[in-house]
Amino acid sequence: MILEQDGYPFSFNSDACAACKGHCCTGEPGYIWVSAPEMTAIAAHLQIDPEQFKSEYLEKVGYKYSIRELKRNGGHECLFFDERISGCSIYHVRPSQCRTFPFWDYFLHHPKEAGEECPGIIYHSSY
């Protein structure tokens, strides 16, 4: 499926995810922000108490929470990235940050990096 968002000089072919091996979930370290409703939904999906979810899976950064990352294969990866499926083990309740990839403000201003990060990026002919 080809997805587009106004103002971005690229489209996104979500079919590329099947062969990608999780480039958006692995590599450079970063933050995977989660809101309070997302924490509740993920905890319910994992069938654990929200406080247990916070203590076991999140790190507090200032006043916000981020999913912990693992150092693996010479890089970092989301705690919920599953190598066996090359994808997200909480896909149906993943945070909005993950749902909106690659249509992030950062890539709006750095579209070349979007293509380096994601094989599903299709640049518009005007780019």
C-alpha atoms as a PDB file:
ATOM      1  CA  MET A   1       0.000   0.000   0.000  1.00  0.00           C
ATOM      2  CA  ILE A   2       1.362   3.430  -0.932  1.00  0.00           C
ATOM      3  CA  LEU A   3       0.820   6.066   1.758  1.00  0.00           C
ATOM      4  CA  GLU A   4       1.213   9.801   1.356  1.00  0.00           C
ATOM      5  CA  GLN A   5       1.003  12.811   3.598  1.00  0.00           C
ATOM      6  CA  ASP A   6       0.620  16.426   2.524  1.00  0.00           C
ATOM      7  CA  GLY A   7       3.836  18.403   2.403  1.00  0.00           C
ATOM      8  CA  TYR A   8       6.235  15.454   2.337  1.00  0.00           C
ATOM      9  CA  PRO A   9       8.417  15.024  -0.773  1.00  0.00           C
ATOM     10  CA  PHE A  10       8.016  11.261  -0.597  1.00  0.00           C
ATOM     11  CA  SER A  11       5.475   8.487  -0.360  1.00  0.00           C
ATOM     12  CA  PHE A  12       5.805   5.314   1.658  1.00  0.00           C
ATOM     13  CA  ASN A  13       5.317   1.811   0.309  1.00  0.00           C
ATOM     14  CA  SER A  14       4.282  -0.163   3.392  1.00  0.00           C
ATOM     15  CA  ASP A  15       4.787  -3.427   1.475  1.00  0.00           C
ATOM     16  CA  ALA A  16       8.542  -2.856   1.858  1.00  0.00           C
ATOM     17  CA  CYS A  17       8.228  -3.608   5.580  1.00  0.00           C
ATOM     18  CA  ALA A  18       8.004  -7.344   4.895  1.00  0.00           C
ATOM     19  CA  ALA A  19      11.563  -7.467   3.514  1.00  0.00           C
ATOM     20  CA  CYS A  20      13.098  -4.603   5.477  1.00  0.00           C
ATOM     21  CA  LYS A  21      14.229  -6.432   8.639  1.00  0.00           C
ATOM     22  CA  GLY A  22      13.127  -3.580  10.903  1.00  0.00           C
ATOM     23  CA  HIS A  23      15.374  -0.660   9.979  1.00  0.00           C
ATOM     24  CA  CYS A  24      12.997   1.731  11.750  1.00  0.00           C
ATOM     25  CA  CYS A  25      13.133  -0.388  14.933  1.00  0.00           C
ATOM     26  CA  THR A  26      16.894  -0.941  15.002  1.00  0.00           C
ATOM     27  CA  GLY A  27      20.132   0.923  14.444  1.00  0.00           C
ATOM     28  CA  GLU A  28      20.838   4.322  15.966  1.00  0.00           C
ATOM     29  CA  PRO A  29      19.811   4.907  19.575  1.00  0.00           C
ATOM     30  CA  GLY A  30      16.845   7.154  20.208  1.00  0.00           C
ATOM     31  CA  TYR A  31      13.643   7.567  22.107  1.00  0.00           C
ATOM     32  CA  ILE A  32      10.397   5.710  21.484  1.00  0.00           C
ATOM     33  CA  TRP A  33       7.906   7.963  23.235  1.00  0.00           C
ATOM     34  CA  VAL A  34       4.728   6.553  24.745  1.00  0.00           C
ATOM     35  CA  SER A  35       1.744   8.461  26.093  1.00  0.00           C
ATOM     36  CA  ALA A  36      -0.284   7.450  29.150  1.00  0.00           C
ATOM     37  CA  PRO A  37      -3.109   5.911  27.032  1.00  0.00           C
ATOM     38  CA  GLU A  38      -0.517   4.001  24.975  1.00  0.00           C
ATOM     39  CA  MET A  39       1.091   2.694  28.177  1.00  0.00           C
ATOM     40  CA  THR A  40      -2.306   1.428  29.350  1.00  0.00           C
ATOM     41  CA  ALA A  41      -3.025  -0.241  25.996  1.00  0.00           C
ATOM     42  CA  ILE A  42       0.377  -1.927  25.793  1.00  0.00           C
ATOM     43  CA  ALA A  43       0.178  -3.109  29.417  1.00  0.00           C
ATOM     44  CA  ALA A  44      -3.272  -4.600  28.725  1.00  0.00           C
ATOM     45  CA  HIS A  45      -1.926  -6.292  25.600  1.00  0.00           C
ATOM     46  CA  LEU A  46       0.927  -7.782  27.662  1.00  0.00           C
ATOM     47  CA  GLN A  47      -1.575  -8.701  30.394  1.00  0.00           C
ATOM     48  CA  ILE A  48       0.370  -6.878  33.099  1.00  0.00           C
ATOM     49  CA  ASP A  49      -0.341  -3.985  35.431  1.00  0.00           C
ATOM     50  CA  PRO A  50       0.501  -0.516  33.998  1.00  0.00           C
ATOM     51  CA  GLU A  51       2.923   0.139  36.870  1.00  0.00           C
ATOM     52  CA  GLN A  52       4.732  -3.121  36.137  1.00  0.00           C
ATOM     53  CA  PHE A  53       4.876  -2.115  32.475  1.00  0.00           C
ATOM     54  CA  LYS A  54       6.452   1.226  33.401  1.00  0.00           C
ATOM     55  CA  SER A  55       9.084  -0.316  35.644  1.00  0.00           C
ATOM     56  CA  GLU A  56      10.037  -3.202  33.336  1.00  0.00           C
ATOM     57  CA  TYR A  57       9.754  -1.725  29.852  1.00  0.00           C
ATOM     58  CA  LEU A  58      10.112   2.051  30.074  1.00  0.00           C
ATOM     59  CA  GLU A  59      12.679   4.636  31.017  1.00  0.00           C
ATOM     60  CA  LYS A  60      11.724   8.056  32.270  1.00  0.00           C
ATOM     61  CA  VAL A  61      13.294  10.903  30.334  1.00  0.00           C
ATOM     62  CA  GLY A  62      12.452  14.226  31.935  1.00  0.00           C
ATOM     63  CA  TYR A  63       8.685  14.179  32.289  1.00  0.00           C
ATOM     64  CA  LYS A  64       8.122  11.670  29.455  1.00  0.00           C
ATOM     65  CA  TYR A  65       8.500   7.925  29.024  1.00  0.00           C
ATOM     66  CA  SER A  66      10.330   6.008  26.318  1.00  0.00           C
ATOM     67  CA  ILE A  67      10.388   2.291  25.573  1.00  0.00           C
ATOM     68  CA  ARG A  68      13.744   0.846  26.545  1.00  0.00           C
ATOM     69  CA  GLU A  69      16.168  -0.226  23.861  1.00  0.00           C
ATOM     70  CA  LEU A  70      18.509  -3.196  23.810  1.00  0.00           C
ATOM     71  CA  LYS A  71      22.097  -3.043  22.616  1.00  0.00           C
ATOM     72  CA  ARG A  72      22.319  -5.815  20.054  1.00  0.00           C
ATOM     73  CA  ASN A  73      24.120  -6.587  16.796  1.00  0.00           C
ATOM     74  CA  GLY A  74      26.322  -3.504  17.106  1.00  0.00           C
ATOM     75  CA  GLY A  75      23.363  -1.159  17.435  1.00  0.00           C
ATOM     76  CA  HIS A  76      20.216  -0.481  19.395  1.00  0.00           C
ATOM     77  CA  GLU A  77      16.753  -1.892  18.942  1.00  0.00           C
ATOM     78  CA  CYS A  78      13.357  -1.418  20.469  1.00  0.00           C
ATOM     79  CA  LEU A  79      12.638  -3.821  23.289  1.00  0.00           C
ATOM     80  CA  PHE A  80       9.596  -5.021  21.360  1.00  0.00           C
ATOM     81  CA  PHE A  81      11.438  -5.714  18.093  1.00  0.00           C
ATOM     82  CA  ASP A  82      11.317  -9.455  17.452  1.00  0.00           C
ATOM     83  CA  GLU A  83      14.115 -10.741  15.202  1.00  0.00           C
ATOM     84  CA  ARG A  84      12.216 -13.963  14.514  1.00  0.00           C
ATOM     85  CA  ILE A  85       9.478 -12.061  12.696  1.00  0.00           C
ATOM     86  CA  SER A  86      11.615  -9.027  11.748  1.00  0.00           C
ATOM     87  CA  GLY A  87       8.895  -6.891  13.240  1.00  0.00           C
ATOM     88  CA  CYS A  88       7.064  -5.544  16.221  1.00  0.00           C
ATOM     89  CA  SER A  89       5.771  -7.927  18.864  1.00  0.00           C
ATOM     90  CA  ILE A  90       3.177  -5.333  19.964  1.00  0.00           C
ATOM     91  CA  TYR A  91       2.298  -4.168  16.453  1.00  0.00           C
ATOM     92  CA  HIS A  92      -1.449  -3.702  17.054  1.00  0.00           C
ATOM     93  CA  VAL A  93      -0.849  -1.485  20.104  1.00  0.00           C
ATOM     94  CA  ARG A  94       2.431   0.153  19.039  1.00  0.00           C
ATOM     95  CA  PRO A  95       2.904   3.821  19.985  1.00  0.00           C
ATOM     96  CA  SER A  96       1.767   6.593  17.642  1.00  0.00           C
ATOM     97  CA  GLN A  97       5.421   7.445  16.993  1.00  0.00           C
ATOM     98  CA  CYS A  98       5.761   4.040  15.355  1.00  0.00           C
ATOM     99  CA  ARG A  99       2.390   4.270  13.603  1.00  0.00           C
ATOM    100  CA  THR A 100       3.300   7.559  11.928  1.00  0.00           C
ATOM    101  CA  PHE A 101       6.752   6.511  10.663  1.00  0.00           C
ATOM    102  CA  PRO A 102       8.162   7.789   8.270  1.00  0.00           C
ATOM    103  CA  PHE A 103       5.952  10.873   8.339  1.00  0.00           C
ATOM    104  CA  TRP A 104       7.827  12.583  11.158  1.00  0.00           C
ATOM    105  CA  ASP A 105       8.660  16.282  11.306  1.00  0.00           C
ATOM    106  CA  TYR A 106      12.350  15.389  11.258  1.00  0.00           C
ATOM    107  CA  PHE A 107      12.041  13.604   7.910  1.00  0.00           C
ATOM    108  CA  LEU A 108       9.976  16.450   6.520  1.00  0.00           C
ATOM    109  CA  HIS A 109      13.077  18.601   6.913  1.00  0.00           C
ATOM    110  CA  HIS A 110      15.591  15.804   6.192  1.00  0.00           C
ATOM    111  CA  PRO A 111      13.923  13.713   3.477  1.00  0.00           C
ATOM    112  CA  LYS A 112      17.197  12.220   2.243  1.00  0.00           C
ATOM    113  CA  GLU A 113      17.662  10.571   5.651  1.00  0.00           C
ATOM    114  CA  ALA A 114      14.181   9.044   5.385  1.00  0.00           C
ATOM    115  CA  GLY A 115      15.319   7.146   2.284  1.00  0.00           C
ATOM    116  CA  GLU A 116      18.521   6.055   3.990  1.00  0.00           C
ATOM    117  CA  GLU A 117      16.491   4.732   6.917  1.00  0.00           C
ATOM    118  CA  CYS A 118      13.629   3.136   5.040  1.00  0.00           C
ATOM    119  CA  PRO A 119      13.581   1.116   1.798  1.00  0.00           C
ATOM    120  CA  GLY A 120       9.865   1.920   1.434  1.00  0.00           C
ATOM    121  CA  ILE A 121      10.490   5.604   0.686  1.00  0.00           C
ATOM    122  CA  ILE A 122       9.505   6.673  -2.831  1.00  0.00           C
ATOM    123  CA  TYR A 123      10.583  10.212  -3.670  1.00  0.00           C
ATOM    124  CA  HIS A 124       8.230  12.329  -5.725  1.00  0.00           C
ATOM    125  CA  SER A 125       9.538  13.341  -9.134  1.00  0.00           C
ATOM    126  CA  SER A 126       9.744  16.961  -7.977  1.00  0.00           C
ATOM    127  CA  TYR A 127      12.243  16.067  -5.231  1.00  0.00           C
END
